[in-house]
Protein backbone atom coordinates (compact mmCIF):
# COMPACT_ATOMS: atom_id res chain seq x y z
CA UNK A 1 -3.73 8.35 -21.39
CA UNK A 2 -0.25 7.03 -20.64
CA UNK A 3 0.17 6.06 -16.57
CA UNK A 4 3.52 5.51 -15.14
CA UNK A 5 3.27 3.63 -11.87
CA UNK A 6 6.84 2.89 -9.82
CA UNK A 7 7.00 -0.33 -8.25
CA UNK A 8 4.29 -1.62 -9.93
CA UNK A 9 5.19 -5.40 -9.27
CA UNK A 10 4.29 -5.19 -6.04
CA UNK A 11 0.93 -5.75 -4.26
CA UNK A 12 -0.78 -2.81 -4.82
CA UNK A 13 1.14 -1.06 -7.69
CA UNK A 14 0.31 -4.44 -9.97
CA UNK A 15 -3.22 -4.24 -8.66
CA UNK A 16 -3.40 -0.22 -10.15
CA UNK A 17 -1.88 -1.54 -13.27
CA UNK A 18 -4.44 -3.74 -13.80
CA UNK A 19 -7.09 -1.38 -12.98
CA UNK A 20 -5.38 1.17 -15.75
CA UNK A 21 -5.46 -0.89 -18.14
CA UNK A 22 -9.10 -1.66 -17.92
CA UNK A 23 -9.80 1.31 -18.28
CA UNK A 24 -7.93 1.52 -21.90
CA UNK A 25 -5.19 3.93 -20.41
CA UNK A 26 -1.20 3.08 -21.93
CA UNK A 27 0.35 1.59 -18.47
CA UNK A 28 4.21 1.64 -17.99
CA UNK A 29 6.20 1.20 -14.85
CA UNK A 30 9.25 0.41 -13.15
CA UNK A 31 9.99 -2.25 -10.35
CA UNK A 32 13.55 -3.57 -8.73
CA UNK A 33 11.90 -6.87 -7.95
CA UNK A 34 13.40 -6.83 -4.20
CA UNK A 35 9.69 -7.03 -3.03
CA UNK A 36 7.97 -7.31 -6.39
CA UNK A 37 6.80 -10.31 -7.70
CA UNK A 38 6.63 -10.99 -12.01
CA UNK A 39 4.28 -13.03 -11.45
CA UNK A 40 1.55 -10.32 -10.17
CA UNK A 41 2.13 -8.54 -14.07
CA UNK A 42 1.27 -12.28 -16.03
CA UNK A 43 -2.30 -10.52 -16.94
CA UNK A 44 -1.04 -6.96 -17.97
CA UNK A 45 1.69 -8.50 -19.65
CA UNK A 46 -0.94 -9.52 -22.02
CA UNK A 47 -2.41 -6.40 -22.75
CA UNK A 48 -0.17 -4.15 -25.81
CA UNK A 49 -0.62 -1.12 -24.27
CA UNK A 50 1.69 -2.39 -21.37
CA UNK A 51 5.52 -2.23 -20.58
CA UNK A 52 7.42 -3.08 -17.58
CA UNK A 53 11.05 -1.59 -16.82
CA UNK A 54 13.02 -3.24 -14.42
CA UNK A 55 15.02 -0.37 -12.73
CA UNK A 56 15.79 0.92 -9.13
CA UNK A 57 14.10 3.75 -8.33
CA UNK A 58 15.93 4.90 -5.58
CA UNK A 59 18.67 5.81 -7.99
CA UNK A 60 18.28 8.87 -9.13
CA UNK A 61 19.55 8.43 -12.83
CA UNK A 62 18.08 5.28 -12.64
CA UNK A 63 14.84 6.77 -12.49
CA UNK A 64 15.97 9.32 -14.76
CA UNK A 65 16.48 7.20 -17.77
CA UNK A 66 13.48 4.38 -16.87
CA UNK A 67 11.45 7.36 -17.24
CA UNK A 68 12.78 8.88 -20.60
CA UNK A 69 12.35 5.11 -22.18
CA UNK A 70 8.69 4.76 -20.71
CA UNK A 71 7.87 8.05 -22.61
CA UNK A 72 9.69 7.21 -25.69
CA UNK A 73 7.63 3.92 -25.97
CA UNK A 74 4.49 5.16 -24.99
CA UNK A 75 4.87 9.41 -25.42
CA UNK A 76 5.27 11.55 -21.76
CA UNK A 77 3.13 9.93 -19.25
CA UNK A 78 0.21 12.21 -18.19
CA UNK A 79 0.96 11.48 -14.57
CA UNK A 80 3.11 9.19 -12.25
CA UNK A 81 1.35 6.90 -9.29
CA UNK A 82 4.88 6.67 -6.69
CA UNK A 83 4.16 3.05 -4.94
CA UNK A 84 7.69 2.25 -4.54
CA UNK A 85 8.75 1.38 -0.54
CA UNK A 86 9.87 -0.57 1.96
CA UNK A 87 6.70 -2.35 3.05
CA UNK A 88 8.85 -3.95 5.90
CA UNK A 89 7.96 -1.62 8.76
CA UNK A 90 9.99 -3.92 11.31
CA UNK A 91 13.01 -4.19 8.66
CA UNK A 92 13.37 -0.75 8.42
CA UNK A 93 13.83 -0.25 12.51
CA UNK A 94 16.52 -2.96 12.08
CA UNK A 95 18.10 -1.38 9.63
CA UNK A 96 17.38 2.23 8.90
CA UNK A 97 18.71 2.88 5.41
CA UNK A 98 16.49 0.48 4.31
CA UNK A 99 13.47 3.07 4.53
CA UNK A 100 16.35 5.87 3.90
CA UNK A 101 16.99 4.06 0.39
CA UNK A 102 13.76 2.33 -0.26
CA UNK A 103 11.22 4.65 0.94
CA UNK A 104 13.03 8.11 0.80
CA UNK A 105 15.08 8.15 -1.74
CA UNK A 106 13.02 6.34 -4.28
CA UNK A 107 10.47 9.30 -3.97
CA UNK A 108 13.20 11.98 -4.28
CA UNK A 109 14.62 9.83 -7.71
CA UNK A 110 10.94 9.86 -9.26
CA UNK A 111 10.11 13.52 -8.17
CA UNK A 112 13.68 14.74 -10.09
CA UNK A 113 13.05 12.06 -13.18
CA UNK A 114 8.94 13.75 -13.55
CA UNK A 115 10.45 17.39 -13.17
CA UNK A 116 13.24 16.16 -16.08
CA UNK A 117 10.65 14.65 -18.26
CA UNK A 118 8.00 17.44 -17.61
CA UNK A 119 5.60 15.57 -15.81
CA UNK A 120 3.54 17.67 -13.65
CA UNK A 121 1.35 15.47 -11.87
CA UNK A 122 1.94 12.39 -8.83
CA UNK A 123 -0.18 10.72 -6.47
CA UNK A 124 1.61 9.53 -3.43
CA UNK A 125 1.38 6.45 -1.80
CA UNK A 126 1.35 7.70 1.69
CA UNK A 127 0.66 5.51 5.36
CA UNK A 128 -0.98 5.99 8.61
CA UNK A 129 2.22 5.47 9.95
CA UNK A 130 3.27 9.80 9.60
CA UNK A 131 1.07 10.01 12.40
CA UNK A 132 2.64 8.23 15.01
CA UNK A 133 0.91 6.86 17.86
CA UNK A 134 -2.21 9.82 18.66
CA UNK A 135 -5.39 9.22 20.55
CA UNK A 136 -8.58 9.89 18.49
CA UNK A 137 -9.48 9.82 15.41
CA UNK A 138 -6.76 10.77 12.75
CA UNK A 139 -7.82 13.77 10.33
CA UNK A 140 -5.80 14.30 7.70
CA UNK A 141 -5.10 18.26 9.49
CA UNK A 142 -4.35 16.41 12.64
CA UNK A 143 -0.91 17.56 13.98
CA UNK A 144 1.86 17.64 15.07
CA UNK A 145 2.92 14.18 13.00
CA UNK A 146 5.48 12.56 14.65
CA UNK A 147 6.23 9.01 13.64
CA UNK A 148 7.38 5.87 15.49
CA UNK A 149 8.88 4.23 12.73
CA UNK A 150 11.68 4.31 10.16
CA UNK A 151 8.83 4.08 6.97
CA UNK A 152 6.71 6.69 8.75
CA UNK A 153 9.38 8.97 9.24
CA UNK A 154 10.19 8.24 5.80
CA UNK A 155 6.49 8.44 4.13
CA UNK A 156 6.36 11.74 6.14
CA UNK A 157 9.36 13.38 4.56
CA UNK A 158 8.67 11.99 0.99
CA UNK A 159 4.96 13.88 1.70
CA UNK A 160 7.25 17.27 2.59
CA UNK A 161 8.93 16.52 -0.80
CA UNK A 162 6.04 16.60 -2.97
CA UNK A 163 4.71 19.37 -0.95
CA UNK A 164 7.86 21.18 -1.85
CA UNK A 165 7.52 20.46 -5.58
CA UNK A 166 3.90 21.15 -6.09
CA UNK A 167 4.85 24.97 -4.99
CA UNK A 168 7.84 25.05 -7.43
CA UNK A 169 7.23 22.75 -10.48
CA UNK A 170 4.16 20.03 -10.17
CA UNK A 171 0.82 21.59 -11.24
CA UNK A 172 -1.06 19.15 -8.83
CA UNK A 173 -0.31 15.87 -6.12
CA UNK A 174 -2.44 13.80 -4.70
CA UNK A 175 -1.11 12.27 -1.15
CA UNK A 176 -3.12 9.15 -0.22
CA UNK A 177 -2.87 7.72 3.54
CA UNK A 178 -3.55 4.11 3.05
CA UNK A 179 -4.21 1.76 6.47
CA UNK A 180 -3.63 -1.57 6.84
CA UNK A 181 -4.68 -2.81 2.83
CA UNK A 182 -5.30 -6.33 2.56
CA UNK A 183 -6.16 -8.89 0.05
CA UNK A 184 -4.93 -11.34 -3.55
CA UNK A 185 -0.98 -10.75 -3.89
CA UNK A 186 -0.15 -9.75 -0.65
CA UNK A 187 3.44 -10.31 0.28
CA UNK A 188 3.20 -9.29 3.93
CA UNK A 189 1.09 -8.74 7.07
CA UNK A 190 -0.67 -10.49 9.48
CA UNK A 191 -2.98 -12.49 7.33
CA UNK A 192 -0.07 -13.47 4.96
CA UNK A 193 2.14 -14.21 7.95
CA UNK A 194 -0.47 -16.41 9.74
CA UNK A 195 -1.48 -18.48 6.45
CA UNK A 196 2.55 -18.93 6.26
CA UNK A 197 2.92 -20.32 10.24
CA UNK A 198 0.18 -22.57 9.92
CA UNK A 199 1.26 -24.39 7.20
CA UNK A 200 5.22 -25.00 8.28
CA UNK A 201 2.97 -25.65 11.73
CA UNK A 202 -0.83 -26.47 11.52
CA UNK A 203 -0.78 -27.10 15.32
CA UNK A 204 -0.71 -23.90 17.10
CA UNK A 205 -0.49 -20.08 15.60
CA UNK A 206 1.97 -17.89 17.22
CA UNK A 207 1.09 -14.08 17.50
CA UNK A 208 3.15 -11.11 18.25
CA UNK A 209 1.58 -9.04 20.73
CA UNK A 210 -2.50 -10.02 23.13
CA UNK A 211 -4.74 -9.87 19.76
CA UNK A 212 -6.15 -6.76 20.86
CA UNK A 213 -4.15 -4.66 18.50
CA UNK A 214 -7.12 -3.10 16.36
CA UNK A 215 -6.74 -1.29 13.11
CA UNK A 216 -8.70 -0.78 9.63
CA UNK A 217 -8.21 -3.14 7.40
CA UNK A 218 -9.26 -1.95 3.76
CA UNK A 219 -9.48 -4.79 0.59
CA UNK A 220 -7.19 -3.58 -2.03
CA UNK A 221 -9.95 -3.52 -4.51
CA UNK A 222 -11.19 -0.52 -2.36
CA UNK A 223 -7.86 1.20 -2.12
CA UNK A 224 -7.55 0.90 -5.99
CA UNK A 225 -10.91 2.32 -6.26
CA UNK A 226 -10.76 4.92 -3.59
CA UNK A 227 -7.19 5.97 -5.71
CA UNK A 228 -8.73 6.38 -8.64
CA UNK A 229 -11.49 8.44 -7.40
CA UNK A 230 -9.37 10.77 -5.44
CA UNK A 231 -7.29 11.43 -8.19
CA UNK A 232 -10.25 11.81 -11.13
CA UNK A 233 -12.49 13.95 -8.68
CA UNK A 234 -9.72 16.31 -6.36
CA UNK A 235 -8.80 19.16 -8.24
CA UNK A 236 -6.64 21.03 -5.46
CA UNK A 237 -3.10 21.61 -5.81
CA UNK A 238 -2.32 19.43 -2.81
CA UNK A 239 -4.56 17.10 -2.10
CA UNK A 240 -4.28 15.05 1.27
CA UNK A 241 -6.96 12.31 1.72
CA UNK A 242 -6.72 9.41 4.44
CA UNK A 243 -8.72 6.17 2.60
CA UNK A 244 -9.76 3.59 5.28
CA UNK A 245 -13.22 1.05 5.81
CA UNK A 246 -15.49 3.06 8.55
CA UNK A 247 -15.75 1.60 12.04
CA UNK A 248 -13.62 1.00 14.55
CA UNK A 249 -11.49 -1.91 12.78
CA UNK A 250 -10.39 -5.18 13.24
CA UNK A 251 -8.74 -6.87 15.97
CA UNK A 252 -5.74 -9.32 15.27
CA UNK A 253 -7.44 -11.90 17.60
CA UNK A 254 -10.26 -12.22 15.19
CA UNK A 255 -8.04 -11.88 12.15
CA UNK A 256 -6.27 -14.97 13.79
CA UNK A 257 -9.20 -16.78 15.07
CA UNK A 258 -10.78 -16.58 11.71
CA UNK A 259 -7.04 -17.77 9.39
CA UNK A 260 -7.37 -20.79 11.97
CA UNK A 261 -10.89 -21.73 11.23
CA UNK A 262 -10.06 -21.66 7.64
CA UNK A 263 -6.22 -22.85 7.16
CA UNK A 264 -5.79 -25.80 10.13
CA UNK A 265 -9.38 -25.96 12.40
CA UNK A 266 -8.26 -26.76 16.24
CA UNK A 267 -4.80 -24.89 16.06
CA UNK A 268 -4.04 -23.63 19.39
CA UNK A 269 -3.03 -20.37 19.07
CA UNK A 270 -0.94 -18.60 21.82
CA UNK A 271 -0.08 -15.01 22.24
CA UNK A 272 2.75 -13.63 22.72
CA UNK A 273 2.32 -10.68 25.09
CA UNK A 274 2.47 -7.09 25.00
CA UNK A 275 0.56 -4.39 23.54
CA UNK A 276 2.29 -4.26 20.00
CA UNK A 277 4.19 -6.75 17.87
CA UNK A 278 7.16 -5.07 17.14
CA UNK A 279 9.07 -1.45 18.04
CA UNK A 280 6.86 1.01 15.07
CA UNK A 281 4.12 -0.33 15.25
CA UNK A 282 0.96 1.21 15.97
CA UNK A 283 -1.09 -0.92 18.10
CA UNK A 284 -4.62 1.21 17.76
CA UNK A 285 -5.32 3.78 15.61
CA UNK A 286 -8.47 5.20 13.67
CA UNK A 287 -9.01 7.19 10.76
CA UNK A 288 -11.13 9.77 9.71
CA UNK A 289 -12.78 9.54 6.04
CA UNK A 290 -15.20 12.67 6.51
CA UNK A 291 -13.08 14.43 3.71
CA UNK A 292 -12.87 11.48 1.35
CA UNK A 293 -16.87 10.63 2.43
CA UNK A 294 -17.82 14.65 1.66
CA UNK A 295 -16.10 13.81 -2.02
CA UNK A 296 -18.22 10.77 -2.40
CA UNK A 297 -16.67 7.90 -2.26
CA UNK A 298 -17.18 5.20 -0.04
CA UNK A 299 -15.67 1.17 0.37
CA UNK A 300 -17.63 -1.49 -0.48
CA UNK A 301 -16.76 -3.77 2.34
CA UNK A 302 -16.46 -3.03 5.94
CA UNK A 303 -12.72 -4.19 7.70
CA UNK A 304 -13.92 -7.01 9.27
CA UNK A 305 -15.57 -8.18 5.67
CA UNK A 306 -12.35 -7.48 3.77
CA UNK A 307 -10.13 -9.72 6.25
CA UNK A 308 -12.53 -12.17 5.31
CA UNK A 309 -12.33 -11.70 1.52
CA UNK A 310 -8.54 -11.92 2.13
CA UNK A 311 -8.09 -14.65 4.11
CA UNK A 312 -9.86 -16.46 1.72
CA UNK A 313 -7.97 -15.09 -1.19
CA UNK A 314 -4.55 -15.87 0.35
CA UNK A 315 -5.40 -19.31 2.00
CA UNK A 316 -6.99 -20.48 -1.75
CA UNK A 317 -3.35 -19.41 -3.36
CA UNK A 318 -1.04 -20.56 -0.54
CA UNK A 319 -2.92 -24.26 -0.67
CA UNK A 320 -3.80 -24.49 -4.08
CA UNK A 321 -7.60 -24.53 -3.31
CA UNK A 322 -10.76 -22.73 -4.87
CA UNK A 323 -11.81 -19.82 -3.16
CA UNK A 324 -15.02 -20.99 -0.55
CA UNK A 325 -17.77 -18.74 -1.23
CA UNK A 326 -18.90 -18.33 2.93
CA UNK A 327 -16.38 -18.39 5.49
CA UNK A 328 -17.33 -18.79 9.41
């Protein structure tokens, strides 16, 4: 089968490409490289069943022409994995046009390209941010959905566009709502930021908020496994799934302490106060994963274990070291 991935040079898109290629599929995709990196695709480029297009999928005509070019190379794609989006929530708060263009318009344009070519199955990378700040476990049917960030608002609007397309011309959609995803190739997030700050100043780590922010963290390997499982096994017209580890999640204080222990032992940790890192940040949430578990999938790593593995992977890459077998 031929799979097309938007945002393919990004953190998650590149891992998805590698997985699909290992399974023997043809894989093509596009990225404007504003956040994605070509080095993420080094392994994929070695595979003859792979093709990359540099293109801005927020532009309707560019998305259409890119998907047509992909079809000329490998035949009409069986499905599209729409991963392209702005991944910097704080940047979207400062400049709302960022999420309008990179998060919402990429979804609109990719759907237009799919309709133009007759691709009738789309998997969509959504987010916990669509729920807003709600008490209790977040279930897929929880509502009303009132996002508190432009990123969450644009993702929710994207979900609505997919739902409408499923009524009009798509055969099937899969909406996967991600938690915080961590691991090798990450280009943002608490772990990435902490390691970068400690490289610049190994004496002290500055941490936004008070450290009590607690969220579920999922390793990217588990995320890819879950998405592929959902697409293979959820056969409704509209399929919506929370994807997350089980349990209460991991605190920012735990991440800070473990990163310091790995990268700069003895560094002081300075919390800047407040219950959240920035405007639009949801300081605490917990997903219900009962729907996904009922389908038959469970993660291989807990939230804490995913964080520890990601600290090891990202610190080794940043410091040019071999990954350790055991973390403190």
